[in-house]
Structure formats: C-alpha cells, structure tokens
Amino acid sequence: MNKVVKDAKEAILGMEDGQTFMLGGFGLCGIPENTINALVDSGLKSLICISNNAGVDDFGLGLLLKKHQIKKMISSYVGENSEFERQLLSGELDVDLIPQGTLAERLRAGGAGIPAFYVPAGYGTEVGEGKESRMFNGKMHLLEYGLTADFAVVKAWKGDTMGNLVYRDTANNFNQPMAMAGKITIAEVEILVEAGEINPNEIHTPGIFVQRIFQGTDYEKRIEFETVRD
C-alpha cells in the first residue's frame, strides 16, 4: 500500500467543513507546520480541533483561529494566543478546557479503543459539571470519554514509506497518542526513507496507524519565548 502523498495539500484531500481533527504538538514544539498552512489555504471552516493549545497569534493553529476556521477547541490551556483568549471570552469560540493529564489519557484511550475511564482530576470544579462521578478507594472520580477524530495530523522527525514514525526528543509530546486516535492519520516528516531503513527498535508509531505521509519543507521551528541573559 502506497501511503506517500506529494505534499500537505494532497494530504488533506477529503477533509470537509465541520469535521473533527487532532493536531500534534505542545506550544510550538512538534507542530505540523506544512499541514497547518495547507488547512489555512483550504478555506475549510467550522472545524472542531483537538490540540493541547492553539499556538500563538501569528503561527501554528493561531493562523486558523485568526481566519475563524475553527468553531470549537478541545484543549488544555489558552497559552500565549491572545486571539484564542479573545474569542473564548467573547463567546465566538466554543472551548472545552481539559486538565492536561486528562487530555493525554483521553487521547491514549481513544487510540486504544477504550471508550471511557475514571479520573480524579477536576472533581468538585467546573471541569466536573454535568459529568458522572463515582468513588474509588475513598476518593471521587469523574467519568471521562476517549477521544477520536476524523483526521489526526502529526509531525515526526523521520518516517518511512509504510508510515512508521520516529519522533525527536520533546517533539514526541501529543503526536504519538494522536497518531493512534485518528480515523485517518496524516504524518508530515522531515526525513522520508524507504521501508526497512528505520531500525524497528527506534519506531515510536507503527505504520499501521498512519494512512498518509509526506516529507515537509521549510520548517521555521519557532519558539514561543526567546529568553537571553543581559
């Protein structure tokens, strides 16, 4: 099966208005820059996005928010994106804020086919409003559901033509669990090699979870803050 596509534009073919997509990354670390730009150019709208955060105002997911292409964010924090904050407070954007550990486990559960689980985080706060709760070992827990999406978009350092992926250092972050939780998983990689060229012991995401893969270009790899000594 040939999983290699030419570029990000070809990778997102079939994505429609109103669909749910997951986007790997943490802050600006390990985000699929090429695919984000393709989504901006596509004009898709009313998207539901599952991502730890929404980048910054002029980079990453912030570009999609600026064009009002996202109608709902499922994430763990607003971060340094003032437009995300503005749309949240004005009611323009529907936002489901989830404790970061819970978000990670909901993704892992969705990818593993686990429909729901109990977790103590958030009980007794706004996070727990309207959710089923139950006591375990003398402590109250909330029922949380696994997360899946129509598309999962991840960024890896290296991949092969069969879709096997290797992440580099902290860029692993949310990419690995999201790759397992998408009905269609798109992987953009910095280095694309032939099947068999990656040591099996180094693979983080097996190719069975990836449907489309392409080699990205022109990565900026920006950071949110640059701090230097006086």
C-alpha atoms as a PDB file:
ATOM      1  CA  MET A   1       0.000   0.000   0.000  1.00  0.00           C
ATOM      2  CA  ASN A   2       1.453   3.346  -1.051  1.00  0.00           C
ATOM      3  CA  LYS A   3       0.923   5.859   1.755  1.00  0.00           C
ATOM      4  CA  VAL A   4       3.177   8.594   0.376  1.00  0.00           C
ATOM      5  CA  VAL A   5       1.483  11.752  -0.906  1.00  0.00           C
ATOM      6  CA  LYS A   6       3.155  14.653  -2.670  1.00  0.00           C
ATOM      7  CA  ASP A   7       2.565  17.412  -0.134  1.00  0.00           C
ATOM      8  CA  ALA A   8       0.293  18.786   2.576  1.00  0.00           C
ATOM      9  CA  LYS A   9      -2.327  19.941   0.084  1.00  0.00           C
ATOM     10  CA  GLU A  10      -2.749  16.386  -1.184  1.00  0.00           C
ATOM     11  CA  ALA A  11      -2.625  15.000   2.368  1.00  0.00           C
ATOM     12  CA  ILE A  12      -5.753  16.893   3.469  1.00  0.00           C
ATOM     13  CA  LEU A  13      -7.874  15.875   0.487  1.00  0.00           C
ATOM     14  CA  GLY A  14     -11.235  14.650   1.717  1.00  0.00           C
ATOM     15  CA  MET A  15     -11.318  16.807   4.821  1.00  0.00           C
ATOM     16  CA  GLU A  16     -14.645  18.626   4.985  1.00  0.00           C
ATOM     17  CA  ASP A  17     -16.212  21.560   6.806  1.00  0.00           C
ATOM     18  CA  GLY A  18     -17.363  20.720  10.312  1.00  0.00           C
ATOM     19  CA  GLN A  19     -15.111  17.702  10.792  1.00  0.00           C
ATOM     20  CA  THR A  20     -13.005  16.993  13.857  1.00  0.00           C
ATOM     21  CA  PHE A  21      -9.240  16.925  13.616  1.00  0.00           C
ATOM     22  CA  MET A  22      -6.415  16.407  16.117  1.00  0.00           C
ATOM     23  CA  LEU A  23      -3.204  18.350  15.845  1.00  0.00           C
ATOM     24  CA  GLY A  24       0.008  17.176  17.483  1.00  0.00           C
ATOM     25  CA  GLY A  25       2.430  19.483  19.236  1.00  0.00           C
ATOM     26  CA  PHE A  26       2.984  21.258  22.535  1.00  0.00           C
ATOM     27  CA  GLY A  27       3.214  25.018  22.294  1.00  0.00           C
ATOM     28  CA  LEU A  28       5.086  25.375  19.018  1.00  0.00           C
ATOM     29  CA  CYS A  29       7.157  22.230  19.552  1.00  0.00           C
ATOM     30  CA  GLY A  30       6.450  19.387  17.137  1.00  0.00           C
ATOM     31  CA  ILE A  31       3.602  21.034  15.267  1.00  0.00           C
ATOM     32  CA  PRO A  32       2.842  20.026  11.632  1.00  0.00           C
ATOM     33  CA  GLU A  33       3.641  23.406  10.095  1.00  0.00           C
ATOM     34  CA  ASN A  34       3.118  22.410   6.453  1.00  0.00           C
ATOM     35  CA  THR A  35      -0.302  20.881   7.080  1.00  0.00           C
ATOM     36  CA  ILE A  36      -1.467  23.847   9.133  1.00  0.00           C
ATOM     37  CA  ASN A  37      -0.583  26.161   6.241  1.00  0.00           C
ATOM     38  CA  ALA A  38      -2.451  23.888   3.832  1.00  0.00           C
ATOM     39  CA  LEU A  39      -5.525  23.990   6.071  1.00  0.00           C
ATOM     40  CA  VAL A  40      -5.378  27.779   6.162  1.00  0.00           C
ATOM     41  CA  ASP A  41      -5.198  27.912   2.359  1.00  0.00           C
ATOM     42  CA  SER A  42      -8.009  25.360   2.006  1.00  0.00           C
ATOM     43  CA  GLY A  43     -10.647  27.682   3.432  1.00  0.00           C
ATOM     44  CA  LEU A  44     -12.222  24.866   5.438  1.00  0.00           C
ATOM     45  CA  LYS A  45     -14.484  26.176   8.185  1.00  0.00           C
ATOM     46  CA  SER A  46     -16.491  25.161  11.260  1.00  0.00           C
ATOM     47  CA  LEU A  47     -13.743  22.731  12.248  1.00  0.00           C
ATOM     48  CA  ILE A  48     -13.523  21.103  15.671  1.00  0.00           C
ATOM     49  CA  CYS A  49      -9.902  20.988  16.769  1.00  0.00           C
ATOM     50  CA  ILE A  50      -8.368  18.799  19.469  1.00  0.00           C
ATOM     51  CA  SER A  51      -4.963  20.166  20.435  1.00  0.00           C
ATOM     52  CA  ASN A  52      -3.090  20.835  23.651  1.00  0.00           C
ATOM     53  CA  ASN A  53      -3.155  24.552  22.833  1.00  0.00           C
ATOM     54  CA  ALA A  54      -3.548  26.823  19.806  1.00  0.00           C
ATOM     55  CA  GLY A  55      -0.057  28.050  19.003  1.00  0.00           C
ATOM     56  CA  VAL A  56       0.460  31.818  19.029  1.00  0.00           C
ATOM     57  CA  ASP A  57      -1.330  34.661  17.251  1.00  0.00           C
ATOM     58  CA  ASP A  58       0.665  34.559  14.028  1.00  0.00           C
ATOM     59  CA  PHE A  59       1.896  30.980  13.880  1.00  0.00           C
ATOM     60  CA  GLY A  60       0.598  27.439  14.200  1.00  0.00           C
ATOM     61  CA  LEU A  61      -3.089  26.978  14.953  1.00  0.00           C
ATOM     62  CA  GLY A  62      -3.308  30.696  15.637  1.00  0.00           C
ATOM     63  CA  LEU A  63      -3.469  31.181  11.859  1.00  0.00           C
ATOM     64  CA  LEU A  64      -6.651  29.081  11.649  1.00  0.00           C
ATOM     65  CA  LEU A  65      -8.206  30.923  14.580  1.00  0.00           C
ATOM     66  CA  LYS A  66      -7.418  34.287  13.008  1.00  0.00           C
ATOM     67  CA  LYS A  67      -9.418  33.280   9.916  1.00  0.00           C
ATOM     68  CA  HIS A  68     -12.246  31.896  12.083  1.00  0.00           C
ATOM     69  CA  GLN A  69     -11.937  28.439  10.553  1.00  0.00           C
ATOM     70  CA  ILE A  70     -12.295  26.710  13.937  1.00  0.00           C
ATOM     71  CA  LYS A  71     -15.643  26.676  15.720  1.00  0.00           C
ATOM     72  CA  LYS A  72     -14.573  24.636  18.754  1.00  0.00           C
ATOM     73  CA  MET A  73     -11.291  23.977  20.552  1.00  0.00           C
ATOM     74  CA  ILE A  74     -10.772  20.969  22.830  1.00  0.00           C
ATOM     75  CA  SER A  75      -7.535  21.741  24.624  1.00  0.00           C
ATOM     76  CA  SER A  76      -5.799  22.098  27.962  1.00  0.00           C
ATOM     77  CA  TYR A  77      -4.769  25.763  28.016  1.00  0.00           C
ATOM     78  CA  VAL A  78      -5.071  29.030  26.158  1.00  0.00           C
ATOM     79  CA  GLY A  79      -1.305  29.633  26.195  1.00  0.00           C
ATOM     80  CA  GLU A  80       0.148  32.774  24.651  1.00  0.00           C
ATOM     81  CA  ASN A  81      -2.528  33.200  21.998  1.00  0.00           C
ATOM     82  CA  SER A  82      -4.361  36.468  22.614  1.00  0.00           C
ATOM     83  CA  GLU A  83      -6.797  35.790  19.743  1.00  0.00           C
ATOM     84  CA  PHE A  84      -7.717  32.439  21.319  1.00  0.00           C
ATOM     85  CA  GLU A  85      -8.359  34.247  24.590  1.00  0.00           C
ATOM     86  CA  ARG A  86     -10.395  36.982  22.904  1.00  0.00           C
ATOM     87  CA  GLN A  87     -12.620  34.531  21.014  1.00  0.00           C
ATOM     88  CA  LEU A  88     -13.112  32.458  24.171  1.00  0.00           C
ATOM     89  CA  LEU A  89     -14.139  35.436  26.322  1.00  0.00           C
ATOM     90  CA  SER A  90     -16.356  36.952  23.621  1.00  0.00           C
ATOM     91  CA  GLY A  91     -18.212  33.704  23.032  1.00  0.00           C
ATOM     92  CA  GLU A  92     -17.127  33.492  19.386  1.00  0.00           C
ATOM     93  CA  LEU A  93     -15.358  30.191  20.003  1.00  0.00           C
ATOM     94  CA  ASP A  94     -16.679  27.146  21.826  1.00  0.00           C
ATOM     95  CA  VAL A  95     -13.905  25.888  24.112  1.00  0.00           C
ATOM     96  CA  ASP A  96     -13.696  22.708  26.176  1.00  0.00           C
ATOM     97  CA  LEU A  97     -10.759  23.129  28.563  1.00  0.00           C
ATOM     98  CA  ILE A  98      -9.478  19.819  29.924  1.00  0.00           C
ATOM     99  CA  PRO A  99      -6.748  19.155  32.518  1.00  0.00           C
ATOM    100  CA  GLN A 100      -3.626  18.300  30.562  1.00  0.00           C
ATOM    101  CA  GLY A 101      -3.165  14.838  32.052  1.00  0.00           C
ATOM    102  CA  THR A 102      -6.811  14.030  31.381  1.00  0.00           C
ATOM    103  CA  LEU A 103      -6.466  15.189  27.786  1.00  0.00           C
ATOM    104  CA  ALA A 104      -3.437  12.943  27.284  1.00  0.00           C
ATOM    105  CA  GLU A 105      -5.250   9.941  28.743  1.00  0.00           C
ATOM    106  CA  ARG A 106      -8.412  10.598  26.729  1.00  0.00           C
ATOM    107  CA  LEU A 107      -6.297  10.554  23.579  1.00  0.00           C
ATOM    108  CA  ARG A 108      -4.497   7.384  24.619  1.00  0.00           C
ATOM    109  CA  ALA A 109      -7.796   5.727  25.478  1.00  0.00           C
ATOM    110  CA  GLY A 110      -9.362   6.713  22.167  1.00  0.00           C
ATOM    111  CA  GLY A 111      -6.430   5.274  20.256  1.00  0.00           C
ATOM    112  CA  ALA A 112      -6.543   2.062  22.279  1.00  0.00           C
ATOM    113  CA  GLY A 113     -10.275   1.576  21.754  1.00  0.00           C
ATOM    114  CA  ILE A 114     -11.139   2.274  25.401  1.00  0.00           C
ATOM    115  CA  PRO A 115     -14.497   4.111  25.445  1.00  0.00           C
ATOM    116  CA  ALA A 116     -14.253   5.679  28.908  1.00  0.00           C
ATOM    117  CA  PHE A 117     -12.388   5.717  32.216  1.00  0.00           C
ATOM    118  CA  TYR A 118     -12.492   7.347  35.642  1.00  0.00           C
ATOM    119  CA  VAL A 119     -10.025  10.010  36.782  1.00  0.00           C
ATOM    120  CA  PRO A 120      -9.875  12.142  39.970  1.00  0.00           C
ATOM    121  CA  ALA A 121      -8.672  15.358  38.279  1.00  0.00           C
ATOM    122  CA  GLY A 122     -11.318  18.056  38.078  1.00  0.00           C
ATOM    123  CA  TYR A 123     -13.824  16.649  40.555  1.00  0.00           C
ATOM    124  CA  GLY A 124     -15.504  19.451  42.507  1.00  0.00           C
ATOM    125  CA  THR A 125     -14.561  22.091  39.907  1.00  0.00           C
ATOM    126  CA  GLU A 126     -16.172  23.459  36.738  1.00  0.00           C
ATOM    127  CA  VAL A 127     -14.452  20.642  34.873  1.00  0.00           C
ATOM    128  CA  GLY A 128     -16.730  18.143  36.586  1.00  0.00           C
ATOM    129  CA  GLU A 129     -20.034  19.897  35.980  1.00  0.00           C
ATOM    130  CA  GLY A 130     -22.561  17.574  34.366  1.00  0.00           C
ATOM    131  CA  LYS A 131     -20.220  14.567  34.429  1.00  0.00           C
ATOM    132  CA  GLU A 132     -20.899  11.224  36.045  1.00  0.00           C
ATOM    133  CA  SER A 133     -18.862  10.661  39.206  1.00  0.00           C
ATOM    134  CA  ARG A 134     -18.035   7.652  41.340  1.00  0.00           C
ATOM    135  CA  MET A 135     -15.984   6.918  44.434  1.00  0.00           C
ATOM    136  CA  PHE A 136     -12.942   4.641  44.291  1.00  0.00           C
ATOM    137  CA  ASN A 137     -10.844   3.929  47.390  1.00  0.00           C
ATOM    138  CA  GLY A 138     -12.464   6.789  49.249  1.00  0.00           C
ATOM    139  CA  LYS A 139     -11.825   9.356  46.519  1.00  0.00           C
ATOM    140  CA  MET A 140     -14.276  10.769  43.987  1.00  0.00           C
ATOM    141  CA  HIS A 141     -13.555  10.329  40.291  1.00  0.00           C
ATOM    142  CA  LEU A 142     -15.059  11.710  37.078  1.00  0.00           C
ATOM    143  CA  LEU A 143     -16.064   9.635  34.080  1.00  0.00           C
ATOM    144  CA  GLU A 144     -14.150  10.796  31.015  1.00  0.00           C
ATOM    145  CA  TYR A 145     -14.516   9.552  27.442  1.00  0.00           C
ATOM    146  CA  GLY A 146     -11.810   8.537  24.983  1.00  0.00           C
ATOM    147  CA  LEU A 147     -11.176  10.977  22.148  1.00  0.00           C
ATOM    148  CA  THR A 148     -11.042  10.135  18.449  1.00  0.00           C
ATOM    149  CA  ALA A 149     -11.183  12.310  15.343  1.00  0.00           C
ATOM    150  CA  ASP A 150     -11.936  12.199  11.634  1.00  0.00           C
ATOM    151  CA  PHE A 151      -8.331  13.225  10.985  1.00  0.00           C
ATOM    152  CA  ALA A 152      -5.197  13.226  13.142  1.00  0.00           C
ATOM    153  CA  VAL A 153      -2.328  15.380  11.905  1.00  0.00           C
ATOM    154  CA  VAL A 154       1.082  14.695  13.423  1.00  0.00           C
ATOM    155  CA  LYS A 155       4.674  15.779  12.897  1.00  0.00           C
ATOM    156  CA  ALA A 156       7.606  13.370  13.134  1.00  0.00           C
ATOM    157  CA  TRP A 157      11.330  13.731  12.609  1.00  0.00           C
ATOM    158  CA  LYS A 158      11.674  10.640  10.433  1.00  0.00           C
ATOM    159  CA  GLY A 159       9.260   8.306   8.699  1.00  0.00           C
ATOM    160  CA  ASP A 160       9.288   5.617   6.059  1.00  0.00           C
ATOM    161  CA  THR A 161       7.044   4.894   3.110  1.00  0.00           C
ATOM    162  CA  MET A 162       4.992   2.453   5.203  1.00  0.00           C
ATOM    163  CA  GLY A 163       4.164   5.166   7.736  1.00  0.00           C
ATOM    164  CA  ASN A 164       6.454   4.095  10.584  1.00  0.00           C
ATOM    165  CA  LEU A 165       7.409   7.195  12.576  1.00  0.00           C
ATOM    166  CA  VAL A 166      10.245   8.357  14.815  1.00  0.00           C
ATOM    167  CA  TYR A 167       9.853  11.495  16.945  1.00  0.00           C
ATOM    168  CA  ARG A 168      12.773  13.535  18.214  1.00  0.00           C
ATOM    169  CA  ASP A 169      13.042  14.382  21.923  1.00  0.00           C
ATOM    170  CA  THR A 170      10.198  16.528  23.304  1.00  0.00           C
ATOM    171  CA  ALA A 171       8.560  16.816  19.870  1.00  0.00           C
ATOM    172  CA  ASN A 172       7.057  13.413  20.690  1.00  0.00           C
ATOM    173  CA  ASN A 173       4.582  15.102  23.096  1.00  0.00           C
ATOM    174  CA  PHE A 174       0.966  14.678  21.887  1.00  0.00           C
ATOM    175  CA  ASN A 175       1.949  13.406  18.449  1.00  0.00           C
ATOM    176  CA  GLN A 176       2.269   9.769  19.469  1.00  0.00           C
ATOM    177  CA  PRO A 177      -1.165   9.250  21.112  1.00  0.00           C
ATOM    178  CA  MET A 178      -2.911  11.348  18.444  1.00  0.00           C
ATOM    179  CA  ALA A 179      -1.437   9.254  15.647  1.00  0.00           C
ATOM    180  CA  MET A 180      -3.345   6.288  17.088  1.00  0.00           C
ATOM    181  CA  ALA A 181      -6.646   8.106  17.576  1.00  0.00           C
ATOM    182  CA  GLY A 182      -7.456   9.407  14.106  1.00  0.00           C
ATOM    183  CA  LYS A 183      -9.650   7.575  11.618  1.00  0.00           C
ATOM    184  CA  ILE A 184      -7.266   8.982   9.009  1.00  0.00           C
ATOM    185  CA  THR A 185      -3.806   9.908  10.283  1.00  0.00           C
ATOM    186  CA  ILE A 186      -1.632  12.287   8.289  1.00  0.00           C
ATOM    187  CA  ALA A 187       2.077  12.373   9.141  1.00  0.00           C
ATOM    188  CA  GLU A 188       4.443  15.025   7.905  1.00  0.00           C
ATOM    189  CA  VAL A 189       8.113  14.241   8.416  1.00  0.00           C
ATOM    190  CA  GLU A 190      11.426  15.989   7.991  1.00  0.00           C
ATOM    191  CA  ILE A 191      13.137  12.892   6.637  1.00  0.00           C
ATOM    192  CA  LEU A 192      11.349  10.291   4.498  1.00  0.00           C
ATOM    193  CA  VAL A 193      13.115   6.983   3.830  1.00  0.00           C
ATOM    194  CA  GLU A 194      12.267   3.689   2.205  1.00  0.00           C
ATOM    195  CA  ALA A 195      10.543   0.937   4.187  1.00  0.00           C
ATOM    196  CA  GLY A 196      13.056  -1.105   6.156  1.00  0.00           C
ATOM    197  CA  GLU A 197      15.564   1.715   6.643  1.00  0.00           C
ATOM    198  CA  ILE A 198      14.391   2.530  10.182  1.00  0.00           C
ATOM    199  CA  ASN A 199      15.559   0.262  12.989  1.00  0.00           C
ATOM    200  CA  PRO A 200      12.369  -1.389  14.318  1.00  0.00           C
ATOM    201  CA  ASN A 201      13.539  -0.718  17.883  1.00  0.00           C
ATOM    202  CA  GLU A 202      13.522   3.033  17.178  1.00  0.00           C
ATOM    203  CA  ILE A 203       9.947   3.248  15.877  1.00  0.00           C
ATOM    204  CA  HIS A 204       7.543   5.187  18.106  1.00  0.00           C
ATOM    205  CA  THR A 205       4.398   4.946  15.954  1.00  0.00           C
ATOM    206  CA  PRO A 206       3.934   1.790  13.846  1.00  0.00           C
ATOM    207  CA  GLY A 207       2.835   2.387  10.274  1.00  0.00           C
ATOM    208  CA  ILE A 208      -0.461   0.578  10.820  1.00  0.00           C
ATOM    209  CA  PHE A 209      -1.773   3.785  12.416  1.00  0.00           C
ATOM    210  CA  VAL A 210      -0.742   6.073   9.527  1.00  0.00           C
ATOM    211  CA  GLN A 211      -2.688   6.396   6.282  1.00  0.00           C
ATOM    212  CA  ARG A 212      -0.880   9.312   4.586  1.00  0.00           C
ATOM    213  CA  ILE A 213       2.705  10.529   4.864  1.00  0.00           C
ATOM    214  CA  PHE A 214       4.761  13.222   3.139  1.00  0.00           C
ATOM    215  CA  GLN A 215       8.075  14.997   3.504  1.00  0.00           C
ATOM    216  CA  GLY A 216       7.656  18.553   4.737  1.00  0.00           C
ATOM    217  CA  THR A 217       9.792  21.548   3.818  1.00  0.00           C
ATOM    218  CA  ASP A 218      10.852  24.966   5.091  1.00  0.00           C
ATOM    219  CA  TYR A 219      10.311  24.369   8.802  1.00  0.00           C
ATOM    220  CA  GLU A 220      10.641  27.501  10.935  1.00  0.00           C
ATOM    221  CA  LYS A 221      10.525  25.637  14.265  1.00  0.00           C
ATOM    222  CA  ARG A 222       9.705  28.811  16.115  1.00  0.00           C
ATOM    223  CA  ILE A 223       9.594  29.043  19.900  1.00  0.00           C
ATOM    224  CA  GLU A 224       7.063  30.917  21.991  1.00  0.00           C
ATOM    225  CA  PHE A 225       9.598  32.886  24.024  1.00  0.00           C
ATOM    226  CA  GLU A 226      13.221  33.702  23.399  1.00  0.00           C
ATOM    227  CA  THR A 227      14.935  34.445  26.686  1.00  0.00           C
ATOM    228  CA  VAL A 228      18.545  35.596  26.839  1.00  0.00           C
ATOM    229  CA  ARG A 229      20.847  36.811  29.582  1.00  0.00           C
ATOM    230  CA  ASP A 230      21.654  40.506  29.905  1.00  0.00           C
END
